[in-house]
């Protein structure tokens, strides 16, 4: 089982989700996010069979 992450760098406009990686360990770090930017993140489970679960609720975070 892995987690697929997407980020939206324009949370106050129409969403533009970008692939941010697939991670098999937690915790993980999302690379290359601009410092000081408000971003939205969503995750979903990817099972070993390739089946993908639904996206979780969107979380907002300001990048330090």
N, C-alpha and C. Protein backbone atom coordinates (compact mmCIF):
# COMPACT_ATOMS: atom_id res chain seq x y z
N UNK A 1 0.84 -1.17 0.00
CA UNK A 1 0.00 0.00 0.00
C UNK A 1 0.89 1.24 0.00
N UNK A 2 0.49 2.24 -0.78
CA UNK A 2 1.19 3.52 -0.86
C UNK A 2 0.18 4.65 -0.77
N UNK A 3 0.69 5.86 -0.64
CA UNK A 3 -0.15 7.06 -0.66
C UNK A 3 0.23 7.91 -1.86
N UNK A 4 -0.76 8.34 -2.62
CA UNK A 4 -0.55 9.27 -3.72
C UNK A 4 -0.93 10.66 -3.24
N UNK A 5 -0.07 11.63 -3.50
CA UNK A 5 -0.32 13.01 -3.07
C UNK A 5 -0.46 13.93 -4.27
N UNK A 6 -1.37 14.89 -4.14
CA UNK A 6 -1.51 15.97 -5.12
C UNK A 6 -1.54 17.29 -4.36
N UNK A 7 -1.03 18.35 -5.00
CA UNK A 7 -1.06 19.68 -4.40
C UNK A 7 -1.75 20.64 -5.36
N UNK A 8 -2.38 21.65 -4.77
CA UNK A 8 -2.99 22.74 -5.52
C UNK A 8 -2.34 24.02 -5.02
N UNK A 9 -1.62 24.70 -5.90
CA UNK A 9 -0.90 25.91 -5.52
C UNK A 9 -1.75 27.16 -5.67
N UNK A 10 -3.00 27.02 -6.10
CA UNK A 10 -3.90 28.17 -6.28
C UNK A 10 -5.20 27.94 -5.50
N UNK A 11 -5.13 27.88 -4.15
CA UNK A 11 -6.33 27.54 -3.38
C UNK A 11 -7.45 28.58 -3.44
N UNK A 12 -7.16 29.80 -3.84
CA UNK A 12 -8.20 30.83 -3.92
C UNK A 12 -8.74 31.01 -5.33
N UNK A 13 -8.39 30.10 -6.22
CA UNK A 13 -8.87 30.14 -7.60
C UNK A 13 -9.34 28.73 -7.97
N UNK A 14 -9.63 28.52 -9.23
CA UNK A 14 -10.04 27.18 -9.67
C UNK A 14 -8.91 26.19 -9.38
N UNK A 15 -9.23 25.04 -8.79
CA UNK A 15 -8.18 24.08 -8.45
C UNK A 15 -7.41 23.61 -9.68
N UNK A 16 -6.12 23.50 -9.49
CA UNK A 16 -5.23 22.97 -10.52
C UNK A 16 -4.34 21.94 -9.83
N UNK A 17 -4.85 20.72 -9.68
CA UNK A 17 -4.15 19.68 -8.93
C UNK A 17 -2.96 19.17 -9.71
N UNK A 18 -1.82 19.06 -9.02
CA UNK A 18 -0.58 18.57 -9.62
C UNK A 18 -0.10 17.36 -8.83
N UNK A 19 0.37 16.36 -9.56
CA UNK A 19 0.92 15.15 -8.93
C UNK A 19 2.15 15.55 -8.10
N UNK A 20 2.19 15.12 -6.85
CA UNK A 20 3.31 15.46 -5.96
C UNK A 20 4.12 14.24 -5.55
N UNK A 21 3.66 13.04 -5.92
CA UNK A 21 4.44 11.85 -5.62
C UNK A 21 3.60 10.72 -5.08
N UNK A 22 4.22 9.54 -5.06
CA UNK A 22 3.63 8.35 -4.44
C UNK A 22 4.63 7.90 -3.39
N UNK A 23 4.14 7.72 -2.16
CA UNK A 23 5.00 7.49 -1.02
C UNK A 23 4.63 6.18 -0.35
N UNK A 24 5.64 5.38 -0.02
CA UNK A 24 5.39 4.09 0.64
C UNK A 24 5.75 4.13 2.13
N UNK A 25 6.28 5.26 2.59
CA UNK A 25 6.61 5.40 4.01
C UNK A 25 6.02 6.71 4.53
N UNK A 26 5.72 6.73 5.81
CA UNK A 26 5.26 7.96 6.45
C UNK A 26 6.13 8.20 7.67
N UNK A 27 6.40 9.41 8.03
CA UNK A 27 5.97 10.62 7.33
C UNK A 27 6.79 10.82 6.05
N UNK A 28 6.30 11.68 5.18
CA UNK A 28 7.01 12.01 3.95
C UNK A 28 6.99 13.52 3.77
N UNK A 29 7.86 14.01 2.90
CA UNK A 29 7.98 15.44 2.62
C UNK A 29 7.63 15.69 1.16
N UNK A 30 6.79 16.68 0.93
CA UNK A 30 6.47 17.08 -0.44
C UNK A 30 7.56 18.04 -0.93
N UNK A 31 8.26 17.70 -1.99
CA UNK A 31 9.38 18.51 -2.44
C UNK A 31 8.96 19.73 -3.25
N UNK A 32 9.84 20.73 -3.27
CA UNK A 32 9.76 21.87 -4.19
C UNK A 32 8.52 22.75 -4.04
N UNK A 33 8.00 22.91 -2.83
CA UNK A 33 6.88 23.82 -2.62
C UNK A 33 7.45 25.19 -2.25
N UNK A 34 6.94 26.26 -2.87
CA UNK A 34 7.48 27.60 -2.61
C UNK A 34 7.23 28.05 -1.17
N UNK A 35 8.27 28.51 -0.50
CA UNK A 35 8.18 28.97 0.87
C UNK A 35 7.17 30.12 1.00
N UNK A 36 6.35 30.07 2.05
CA UNK A 36 5.37 31.11 2.31
C UNK A 36 4.07 30.98 1.56
N UNK A 37 3.96 29.99 0.69
CA UNK A 37 2.77 29.80 -0.15
C UNK A 37 1.72 28.99 0.59
N UNK A 38 0.46 29.38 0.45
CA UNK A 38 -0.66 28.60 0.95
C UNK A 38 -0.97 27.53 -0.09
N UNK A 39 -0.94 26.26 0.31
CA UNK A 39 -1.21 25.17 -0.62
C UNK A 39 -2.31 24.28 -0.06
N UNK A 40 -2.97 23.58 -0.96
CA UNK A 40 -3.93 22.55 -0.58
C UNK A 40 -3.30 21.20 -0.95
N UNK A 41 -3.55 20.21 -0.10
CA UNK A 41 -3.00 18.87 -0.31
C UNK A 41 -4.14 17.87 -0.17
N UNK A 42 -4.10 16.84 -1.02
CA UNK A 42 -5.03 15.73 -0.86
C UNK A 42 -4.27 14.43 -1.10
N UNK A 43 -4.75 13.37 -0.45
CA UNK A 43 -4.10 12.06 -0.52
C UNK A 43 -5.13 10.99 -0.85
N UNK A 44 -4.62 9.91 -1.42
CA UNK A 44 -5.46 8.71 -1.57
C UNK A 44 -4.57 7.48 -1.48
N UNK A 45 -5.16 6.38 -1.10
CA UNK A 45 -4.46 5.11 -0.98
C UNK A 45 -4.33 4.48 -2.35
N UNK A 46 -3.16 3.90 -2.62
CA UNK A 46 -2.94 3.09 -3.82
C UNK A 46 -2.54 1.70 -3.33
N UNK A 47 -3.38 0.73 -3.59
CA UNK A 47 -3.12 -0.64 -3.13
C UNK A 47 -2.14 -1.33 -4.06
N UNK A 48 -1.50 -2.40 -3.56
CA UNK A 48 -0.51 -3.14 -4.34
C UNK A 48 -1.08 -3.64 -5.67
N UNK A 49 -2.38 -3.89 -5.72
CA UNK A 49 -3.04 -4.37 -6.94
C UNK A 49 -3.20 -3.26 -7.98
N UNK A 50 -2.92 -1.99 -7.58
CA UNK A 50 -3.10 -0.85 -8.47
C UNK A 50 -4.41 -0.13 -8.29
N UNK A 51 -5.30 -0.71 -7.49
CA UNK A 51 -6.58 -0.07 -7.21
C UNK A 51 -6.35 1.18 -6.35
N UNK A 52 -7.01 2.28 -6.72
CA UNK A 52 -6.86 3.55 -6.01
C UNK A 52 -8.14 3.87 -5.25
N UNK A 53 -7.96 4.32 -4.01
CA UNK A 53 -9.10 4.72 -3.18
C UNK A 53 -9.53 6.14 -3.52
N UNK A 54 -10.56 6.64 -2.85
CA UNK A 54 -11.03 8.01 -3.08
C UNK A 54 -10.06 9.02 -2.46
N UNK A 55 -10.10 10.25 -2.96
CA UNK A 55 -9.29 11.32 -2.37
C UNK A 55 -9.83 11.65 -1.00
N UNK A 56 -8.93 11.96 -0.06
CA UNK A 56 -9.36 12.38 1.27
C UNK A 56 -9.81 13.82 1.25
N UNK A 57 -10.28 14.32 2.40
CA UNK A 57 -10.64 15.73 2.51
C UNK A 57 -9.39 16.59 2.27
N UNK A 58 -9.59 17.74 1.70
CA UNK A 58 -8.50 18.64 1.36
C UNK A 58 -7.99 19.32 2.63
N UNK A 59 -6.67 19.39 2.77
CA UNK A 59 -6.03 20.09 3.88
C UNK A 59 -5.27 21.29 3.32
N UNK A 60 -5.36 22.43 4.01
CA UNK A 60 -4.60 23.62 3.63
C UNK A 60 -3.44 23.81 4.59
N UNK A 61 -2.32 24.26 4.03
CA UNK A 61 -1.12 24.47 4.85
C UNK A 61 -0.28 25.57 4.23
N UNK A 62 0.26 26.44 5.07
CA UNK A 62 1.20 27.45 4.58
C UNK A 62 2.60 26.86 4.72
N UNK A 63 3.32 26.83 3.59
CA UNK A 63 4.67 26.26 3.57
C UNK A 63 5.61 27.17 4.36
N UNK A 64 6.35 26.60 5.31
CA UNK A 64 7.27 27.44 6.12
C UNK A 64 8.40 28.03 5.28
